[in-house]
Full PDB file with SEQRES, HELIX, SHEET, SSBOND, CRYST1, ORIGX, SCALE, CONECT and MASTER records, all heavy atoms in Angstrom:
SEQRES   1 A   30  VAL LEU PHE ILE GLY VAL ILE THR PHE ALA LEU SER ALA          
SEQRES   2 A   30  VAL GLY VAL LYS VAL GLY SER ILE PHE GLY ALA LYS TYR          
SEQRES   3 A   30  LYS SER LYS ALA                                              
HELIX    1 AA1 LEU A    2  PHE A   22  1                                  21    
HELIX    2 AA2 GLY A   23  TYR A   26  5                                   4    
CRYST1    1.000    1.000    1.000  90.00  90.00  90.00 P 1           1          
ORIGX1      1.000000  0.000000  0.000000        0.00000                         
ORIGX2      0.000000  1.000000  0.000000        0.00000                         
ORIGX3      0.000000  0.000000  1.000000        0.00000                         
SCALE1      1.000000  0.000000  0.000000        0.00000                         
SCALE2      0.000000  1.000000  0.000000        0.00000                         
SCALE3      0.000000  0.000000  1.000000        0.00000                         
ATOM      1  N   VAL A   1      11.439 -92.927  -6.628  1.00  0.00           N  
ATOM      2  CA  VAL A   1      12.297 -93.010  -7.813  1.00  0.00           C  
ATOM      3  C   VAL A   1      11.513 -92.984  -9.167  1.00  0.00           C  
ATOM      4  O   VAL A   1      12.029 -92.554 -10.167  1.00  0.00           O  
ATOM      5  CB  VAL A   1      13.276 -94.269  -7.792  1.00  0.00           C  
ATOM      6  CG1 VAL A   1      14.153 -94.183  -6.578  1.00  0.00           C  
ATOM      7  CG2 VAL A   1      12.522 -95.603  -7.724  1.00  0.00           C  
ATOM      8  N   LEU A   2      10.261 -93.536  -9.117  1.00  0.00           N  
ATOM      9  CA  LEU A   2       9.444 -93.454 -10.349  1.00  0.00           C  
ATOM     10  C   LEU A   2       9.212 -92.009 -10.586  1.00  0.00           C  
ATOM     11  O   LEU A   2       9.253 -91.539 -11.728  1.00  0.00           O  
ATOM     12  CB  LEU A   2       8.155 -94.247 -10.146  1.00  0.00           C  
ATOM     13  CG  LEU A   2       8.291 -95.757 -10.228  1.00  0.00           C  
ATOM     14  CD1 LEU A   2       6.949 -96.370  -9.881  1.00  0.00           C  
ATOM     15  CD2 LEU A   2       8.687 -96.200 -11.612  1.00  0.00           C  
ATOM     16  N   PHE A   3       8.812 -91.249  -9.606  1.00  0.00           N  
ATOM     17  CA  PHE A   3       8.565 -89.827  -9.713  1.00  0.00           C  
ATOM     18  C   PHE A   3       9.813 -89.069 -10.200  1.00  0.00           C  
ATOM     19  O   PHE A   3       9.661 -88.294 -11.149  1.00  0.00           O  
ATOM     20  CB  PHE A   3       8.076 -89.243  -8.364  1.00  0.00           C  
ATOM     21  CG  PHE A   3       7.508 -87.903  -8.449  1.00  0.00           C  
ATOM     22  CD1 PHE A   3       6.253 -87.660  -9.094  1.00  0.00           C  
ATOM     23  CD2 PHE A   3       8.114 -86.794  -7.856  1.00  0.00           C  
ATOM     24  CE1 PHE A   3       5.664 -86.432  -9.151  1.00  0.00           C  
ATOM     25  CE2 PHE A   3       7.562 -85.541  -7.956  1.00  0.00           C  
ATOM     26  CZ  PHE A   3       6.361 -85.357  -8.531  1.00  0.00           C  
ATOM     27  N   ILE A   4      10.933 -89.316  -9.601  1.00  0.00           N  
ATOM     28  CA  ILE A   4      12.182 -88.638 -10.065  1.00  0.00           C  
ATOM     29  C   ILE A   4      12.514 -89.051 -11.529  1.00  0.00           C  
ATOM     30  O   ILE A   4      12.811 -88.148 -12.367  1.00  0.00           O  
ATOM     31  CB  ILE A   4      13.345 -89.010  -9.177  1.00  0.00           C  
ATOM     32  CG1 ILE A   4      13.140 -88.330  -7.803  1.00  0.00           C  
ATOM     33  CG2 ILE A   4      14.673 -88.622  -9.799  1.00  0.00           C  
ATOM     34  CD1 ILE A   4      14.105 -88.925  -6.709  1.00  0.00           C  
ATOM     35  N   GLY A   5      12.321 -90.377 -11.888  1.00  0.00           N  
ATOM     36  CA  GLY A   5      12.588 -90.772 -13.208  1.00  0.00           C  
ATOM     37  C   GLY A   5      11.657 -90.023 -14.281  1.00  0.00           C  
ATOM     38  O   GLY A   5      12.070 -89.651 -15.351  1.00  0.00           O  
ATOM     39  N   VAL A   6      10.357 -89.929 -13.961  1.00  0.00           N  
ATOM     40  CA  VAL A   6       9.387 -89.363 -14.857  1.00  0.00           C  
ATOM     41  C   VAL A   6       9.698 -87.942 -15.033  1.00  0.00           C  
ATOM     42  O   VAL A   6       9.642 -87.346 -16.174  1.00  0.00           O  
ATOM     43  CB  VAL A   6       8.001 -89.614 -14.377  1.00  0.00           C  
ATOM     44  CG1 VAL A   6       6.947 -88.764 -15.088  1.00  0.00           C  
ATOM     45  CG2 VAL A   6       7.559 -91.048 -14.481  1.00  0.00           C  
ATOM     46  N   ILE A   7       9.929 -87.216 -13.933  1.00  0.00           N  
ATOM     47  CA  ILE A   7      10.303 -85.824 -14.008  1.00  0.00           C  
ATOM     48  C   ILE A   7      11.564 -85.625 -14.914  1.00  0.00           C  
ATOM     49  O   ILE A   7      11.552 -84.649 -15.797  1.00  0.00           O  
ATOM     50  CB  ILE A   7      10.450 -85.154 -12.548  1.00  0.00           C  
ATOM     51  CG1 ILE A   7       9.182 -85.262 -11.843  1.00  0.00           C  
ATOM     52  CG2 ILE A   7      11.036 -83.741 -12.609  1.00  0.00           C  
ATOM     53  CD1 ILE A   7       8.057 -84.274 -12.283  1.00  0.00           C  
ATOM     54  N   THR A   8      12.497 -86.368 -14.629  1.00  0.00           N  
ATOM     55  CA  THR A   8      13.780 -86.242 -15.387  1.00  0.00           C  
ATOM     56  C   THR A   8      13.551 -86.579 -16.840  1.00  0.00           C  
ATOM     57  O   THR A   8      14.138 -85.879 -17.694  1.00  0.00           O  
ATOM     58  CB  THR A   8      14.899 -87.151 -14.790  1.00  0.00           C  
ATOM     59  OG1 THR A   8      15.092 -86.805 -13.390  1.00  0.00           O  
ATOM     60  CG2 THR A   8      16.178 -86.876 -15.463  1.00  0.00           C  
ATOM     61  N   PHE A   9      12.774 -87.601 -17.105  1.00  0.00           N  
ATOM     62  CA  PHE A   9      12.501 -87.949 -18.480  1.00  0.00           C  
ATOM     63  C   PHE A   9      11.865 -86.689 -19.191  1.00  0.00           C  
ATOM     64  O   PHE A   9      12.307 -86.340 -20.299  1.00  0.00           O  
ATOM     65  CB  PHE A   9      11.519 -89.082 -18.531  1.00  0.00           C  
ATOM     66  CG  PHE A   9      10.988 -89.388 -20.024  1.00  0.00           C  
ATOM     67  CD1 PHE A   9      11.730 -90.243 -20.840  1.00  0.00           C  
ATOM     68  CD2 PHE A   9       9.876 -88.715 -20.536  1.00  0.00           C  
ATOM     69  CE1 PHE A   9      11.307 -90.503 -22.128  1.00  0.00           C  
ATOM     70  CE2 PHE A   9       9.492 -89.000 -21.774  1.00  0.00           C  
ATOM     71  CZ  PHE A   9      10.219 -89.808 -22.607  1.00  0.00           C  
ATOM     72  N   ALA A  10      10.818 -86.131 -18.591  1.00  0.00           N  
ATOM     73  CA  ALA A  10      10.168 -84.941 -19.175  1.00  0.00           C  
ATOM     74  C   ALA A  10      11.141 -83.782 -19.308  1.00  0.00           C  
ATOM     75  O   ALA A  10      11.151 -83.172 -20.410  1.00  0.00           O  
ATOM     76  CB  ALA A  10       8.959 -84.578 -18.338  1.00  0.00           C  
ATOM     77  N   LEU A  11      11.831 -83.515 -18.316  1.00  0.00           N  
ATOM     78  CA  LEU A  11      12.710 -82.292 -18.384  1.00  0.00           C  
ATOM     79  C   LEU A  11      13.852 -82.478 -19.468  1.00  0.00           C  
ATOM     80  O   LEU A  11      14.338 -81.594 -20.051  1.00  0.00           O  
ATOM     81  CB  LEU A  11      13.254 -81.920 -17.065  1.00  0.00           C  
ATOM     82  CG  LEU A  11      12.199 -81.226 -16.166  1.00  0.00           C  
ATOM     83  CD1 LEU A  11      12.762 -81.060 -14.765  1.00  0.00           C  
ATOM     84  CD2 LEU A  11      11.706 -80.005 -16.749  1.00  0.00           C  
ATOM     85  N   SER A  12      14.397 -83.765 -19.500  1.00  0.00           N  
ATOM     86  CA  SER A  12      15.418 -84.035 -20.479  1.00  0.00           C  
ATOM     87  C   SER A  12      14.868 -83.981 -21.943  1.00  0.00           C  
ATOM     88  O   SER A  12      15.585 -83.419 -22.801  1.00  0.00           O  
ATOM     89  CB  SER A  12      16.016 -85.469 -20.224  1.00  0.00           C  
ATOM     90  OG  SER A  12      16.579 -85.542 -18.960  1.00  0.00           O  
ATOM     91  N   ALA A  13      13.676 -84.502 -22.185  1.00  0.00           N  
ATOM     92  CA  ALA A  13      13.154 -84.375 -23.486  1.00  0.00           C  
ATOM     93  C   ALA A  13      12.923 -82.958 -23.808  1.00  0.00           C  
ATOM     94  O   ALA A  13      13.244 -82.500 -24.933  1.00  0.00           O  
ATOM     95  CB  ALA A  13      11.860 -85.203 -23.522  1.00  0.00           C  
ATOM     96  N   VAL A  14      12.413 -82.163 -22.913  1.00  0.00           N  
ATOM     97  CA  VAL A  14      12.213 -80.724 -23.135  1.00  0.00           C  
ATOM     98  C   VAL A  14      13.502 -80.052 -23.377  1.00  0.00           C  
ATOM     99  O   VAL A  14      13.650 -79.122 -24.279  1.00  0.00           O  
ATOM    100  CB  VAL A  14      11.390 -80.131 -22.012  1.00  0.00           C  
ATOM    101  CG1 VAL A  14      11.466 -78.524 -22.095  1.00  0.00           C  
ATOM    102  CG2 VAL A  14       9.948 -80.611 -22.010  1.00  0.00           C  
ATOM    103  N   GLY A  15      14.498 -80.441 -22.599  1.00  0.00           N  
ATOM    104  CA  GLY A  15      15.835 -79.887 -22.724  1.00  0.00           C  
ATOM    105  C   GLY A  15      16.457 -80.051 -24.100  1.00  0.00           C  
ATOM    106  O   GLY A  15      17.085 -79.082 -24.622  1.00  0.00           O  
ATOM    107  N   VAL A  16      16.300 -81.172 -24.733  1.00  0.00           N  
ATOM    108  CA  VAL A  16      16.749 -81.341 -26.091  1.00  0.00           C  
ATOM    109  C   VAL A  16      16.061 -80.400 -27.049  1.00  0.00           C  
ATOM    110  O   VAL A  16      16.711 -79.699 -27.846  1.00  0.00           O  
ATOM    111  CB  VAL A  16      16.551 -82.863 -26.603  1.00  0.00           C  
ATOM    112  CG1 VAL A  16      16.827 -82.996 -28.065  1.00  0.00           C  
ATOM    113  CG2 VAL A  16      17.341 -83.725 -25.736  1.00  0.00           C  
ATOM    114  N   LYS A  17      14.756 -80.199 -26.850  1.00  0.00           N  
ATOM    115  CA  LYS A  17      14.019 -79.284 -27.737  1.00  0.00           C  
ATOM    116  C   LYS A  17      14.478 -77.870 -27.460  1.00  0.00           C  
ATOM    117  O   LYS A  17      14.702 -77.068 -28.360  1.00  0.00           O  
ATOM    118  CB  LYS A  17      12.508 -79.406 -27.439  1.00  0.00           C  
ATOM    119  CG  LYS A  17      11.628 -78.566 -28.323  1.00  0.00           C  
ATOM    120  CD  LYS A  17      11.657 -79.071 -29.758  1.00  0.00           C  
ATOM    121  CE  LYS A  17      10.693 -78.281 -30.611  1.00  0.00           C  
ATOM    122  NZ  LYS A  17      10.799 -78.647 -32.031  1.00  0.00           N  
ATOM    123  N   VAL A  18      14.660 -77.457 -26.194  1.00  0.00           N  
ATOM    124  CA  VAL A  18      15.102 -76.111 -25.817  1.00  0.00           C  
ATOM    125  C   VAL A  18      16.452 -75.849 -26.469  1.00  0.00           C  
ATOM    126  O   VAL A  18      16.651 -74.810 -27.020  1.00  0.00           O  
ATOM    127  CB  VAL A  18      15.139 -75.930 -24.256  1.00  0.00           C  
ATOM    128  CG1 VAL A  18      15.849 -74.710 -23.911  1.00  0.00           C  
ATOM    129  CG2 VAL A  18      13.632 -75.894 -23.717  1.00  0.00           C  
ATOM    130  N   GLY A  19      17.362 -76.834 -26.369  1.00  0.00           N  
ATOM    131  CA  GLY A  19      18.662 -76.644 -26.932  1.00  0.00           C  
ATOM    132  C   GLY A  19      18.641 -76.509 -28.379  1.00  0.00           C  
ATOM    133  O   GLY A  19      19.414 -75.687 -28.928  1.00  0.00           O  
ATOM    134  N   SER A  20      17.721 -77.165 -29.077  1.00  0.00           N  
ATOM    135  CA  SER A  20      17.682 -77.031 -30.501  1.00  0.00           C  
ATOM    136  C   SER A  20      17.124 -75.713 -30.917  1.00  0.00           C  
ATOM    137  O   SER A  20      17.368 -75.158 -32.004  1.00  0.00           O  
ATOM    138  CB  SER A  20      16.905 -78.172 -31.182  1.00  0.00           C  
ATOM    139  OG  SER A  20      15.500 -77.965 -30.829  1.00  0.00           O  
ATOM    140  N   ILE A  21      16.394 -75.111 -30.097  1.00  0.00           N  
ATOM    141  CA  ILE A  21      15.675 -73.782 -30.399  1.00  0.00           C  
ATOM    142  C   ILE A  21      16.597 -72.606 -29.871  1.00  0.00           C  
ATOM    143  O   ILE A  21      16.862 -71.758 -30.581  1.00  0.00           O  
ATOM    144  CB  ILE A  21      14.306 -73.733 -29.749  1.00  0.00           C  
ATOM    145  CG1 ILE A  21      13.371 -74.738 -30.451  1.00  0.00           C  
ATOM    146  CG2 ILE A  21      13.712 -72.316 -29.947  1.00  0.00           C  
ATOM    147  CD1 ILE A  21      12.038 -74.946 -29.803  1.00  0.00           C  
ATOM    148  N   PHE A  22      16.896 -72.685 -28.580  1.00  0.00           N  
ATOM    149  CA  PHE A  22      17.523 -71.510 -27.937  1.00  0.00           C  
ATOM    150  C   PHE A  22      18.979 -71.629 -27.748  1.00  0.00           C  
ATOM    151  O   PHE A  22      19.641 -70.604 -27.328  1.00  0.00           O  
ATOM    152  CB  PHE A  22      16.814 -71.228 -26.576  1.00  0.00           C  
ATOM    153  CG  PHE A  22      15.422 -70.923 -26.676  1.00  0.00           C  
ATOM    154  CD1 PHE A  22      14.437 -71.830 -26.322  1.00  0.00           C  
ATOM    155  CD2 PHE A  22      15.021 -69.709 -27.209  1.00  0.00           C  
ATOM    156  CE1 PHE A  22      13.104 -71.491 -26.370  1.00  0.00           C  
ATOM    157  CE2 PHE A  22      13.641 -69.345 -27.304  1.00  0.00           C  
ATOM    158  CZ  PHE A  22      12.658 -70.300 -26.831  1.00  0.00           C  
ATOM    159  N   GLY A  23      19.543 -72.806 -27.909  1.00  0.00           N  
ATOM    160  CA  GLY A  23      20.969 -73.000 -27.574  1.00  0.00           C  
ATOM    161  C   GLY A  23      21.243 -73.085 -26.092  1.00  0.00           C  
ATOM    162  O   GLY A  23      20.404 -73.503 -25.284  1.00  0.00           O  
ATOM    163  N   ALA A  24      22.488 -72.775 -25.734  1.00  0.00           N  
ATOM    164  CA  ALA A  24      22.939 -73.020 -24.312  1.00  0.00           C  
ATOM    165  C   ALA A  24      22.551 -71.883 -23.367  1.00  0.00           C  
ATOM    166  O   ALA A  24      23.081 -71.891 -22.220  1.00  0.00           O  
ATOM    167  CB  ALA A  24      24.458 -73.221 -24.365  1.00  0.00           C  
ATOM    168  N   LYS A  25      21.708 -71.020 -23.777  1.00  0.00           N  
ATOM    169  CA  LYS A  25      21.363 -69.876 -22.923  1.00  0.00           C  
ATOM    170  C   LYS A  25      20.885 -70.203 -21.498  1.00  0.00           C  
ATOM    171  O   LYS A  25      21.178 -69.447 -20.586  1.00  0.00           O  
ATOM    172  CB  LYS A  25      20.274 -69.069 -23.627  1.00  0.00           C  
ATOM    173  CG  LYS A  25      19.785 -67.829 -22.904  1.00  0.00           C  
ATOM    174  CD  LYS A  25      18.743 -67.098 -23.743  1.00  0.00           C  
ATOM    175  CE  LYS A  25      18.276 -65.883 -23.089  1.00  0.00           C  
ATOM    176  NZ  LYS A  25      17.240 -65.150 -23.887  1.00  0.00           N  
ATOM    177  N   TYR A  26      20.103 -71.299 -21.330  1.00  0.00           N  
ATOM    178  CA  TYR A  26      19.561 -71.661 -20.042  1.00  0.00           C  
ATOM    179  C   TYR A  26      20.331 -72.674 -19.304  1.00  0.00           C  
ATOM    180  O   TYR A  26      19.925 -73.006 -18.162  1.00  0.00           O  
ATOM    181  CB  TYR A  26      18.083 -72.070 -20.306  1.00  0.00           C  
ATOM    182  CG  TYR A  26      17.233 -71.062 -20.892  1.00  0.00           C  
ATOM    183  CD1 TYR A  26      16.828 -71.066 -22.237  1.00  0.00           C  
ATOM    184  CD2 TYR A  26      16.893 -69.957 -20.200  1.00  0.00           C  
ATOM    185  CE1 TYR A  26      16.167 -70.198 -22.830  1.00  0.00           C  
ATOM    186  CE2 TYR A  26      16.112 -68.973 -20.725  1.00  0.00           C  
ATOM    187  CZ  TYR A  26      15.691 -69.078 -22.094  1.00  0.00           C  
ATOM    188  OH  TYR A  26      14.931 -68.050 -22.661  1.00  0.00           O  
ATOM    189  N   LYS A  27      21.392 -73.178 -19.820  1.00  0.00           N  
ATOM    190  CA  LYS A  27      22.145 -74.246 -19.182  1.00  0.00           C  
ATOM    191  C   LYS A  27      22.602 -74.027 -17.787  1.00  0.00           C  
ATOM    192  O   LYS A  27      22.243 -74.639 -16.767  1.00  0.00           O  
ATOM    193  CB  LYS A  27      23.325 -74.712 -20.074  1.00  0.00           C  
ATOM    194  CG  LYS A  27      24.165 -75.736 -19.455  1.00  0.00           C  
ATOM    195  CD  LYS A  27      25.406 -76.013 -20.363  1.00  0.00           C  
ATOM    196  CE  LYS A  27      26.357 -76.977 -19.730  1.00  0.00           C  
ATOM    197  NZ  LYS A  27      27.013 -76.486 -18.601  1.00  0.00           N  
ATOM    198  N   SER A  28      23.287 -72.839 -17.630  1.00  0.00           N  
ATOM    199  CA  SER A  28      23.895 -72.556 -16.317  1.00  0.00           C  
ATOM    200  C   SER A  28      22.769 -72.120 -15.404  1.00  0.00           C  
ATOM    201  O   SER A  28      22.848 -72.309 -14.124  1.00  0.00           O  
ATOM    202  CB  SER A  28      24.995 -71.488 -16.468  1.00  0.00           C  
ATOM    203  OG  SER A  28      24.419 -70.282 -16.931  1.00  0.00           O  
ATOM    204  N   LYS A  29      21.816 -71.406 -15.884  1.00  0.00           N  
ATOM    205  CA  LYS A  29      20.652 -70.989 -15.013  1.00  0.00           C  
ATOM    206  C   LYS A  29      19.953 -72.226 -14.445  1.00  0.00           C  
ATOM    207  O   LYS A  29      19.529 -72.253 -13.245  1.00  0.00           O  
ATOM    208  CB  LYS A  29      19.709 -70.135 -15.795  1.00  0.00           C  
ATOM    209  CG  LYS A  29      20.245 -68.789 -16.119  1.00  0.00           C  
ATOM    210  CD  LYS A  29      19.348 -67.970 -16.938  1.00  0.00           C  
ATOM    211  CE  LYS A  29      19.992 -66.624 -17.311  1.00  0.00           C  
ATOM    212  NZ  LYS A  29      19.411 -65.947 -18.420  1.00  0.00           N  
ATOM    213  N   ALA A  30      19.747 -73.260 -15.269  1.00  0.00           N  
ATOM    214  CA  ALA A  30      19.093 -74.465 -14.744  1.00  0.00           C  
ATOM    215  C   ALA A  30      20.002 -75.224 -13.702  1.00  0.00           C  
ATOM    216  O   ALA A  30      19.426 -75.655 -12.695  1.00  0.00           O  
ATOM    217  CB  ALA A  30      18.859 -75.387 -15.932  1.00  0.00           C  
TER     218      ALA A  30                                                      
MASTER        0    0    0    2    0    0    0    6  217    1    0    3          
END                                                                             
């Protein structure tokens, strides 16, 4: 659960940045 939490933390933080730059282009692919 620590591993899952850390991975999710990182990907969520990156997701906010990706969304601000690229928009919803990668949402369904992810």
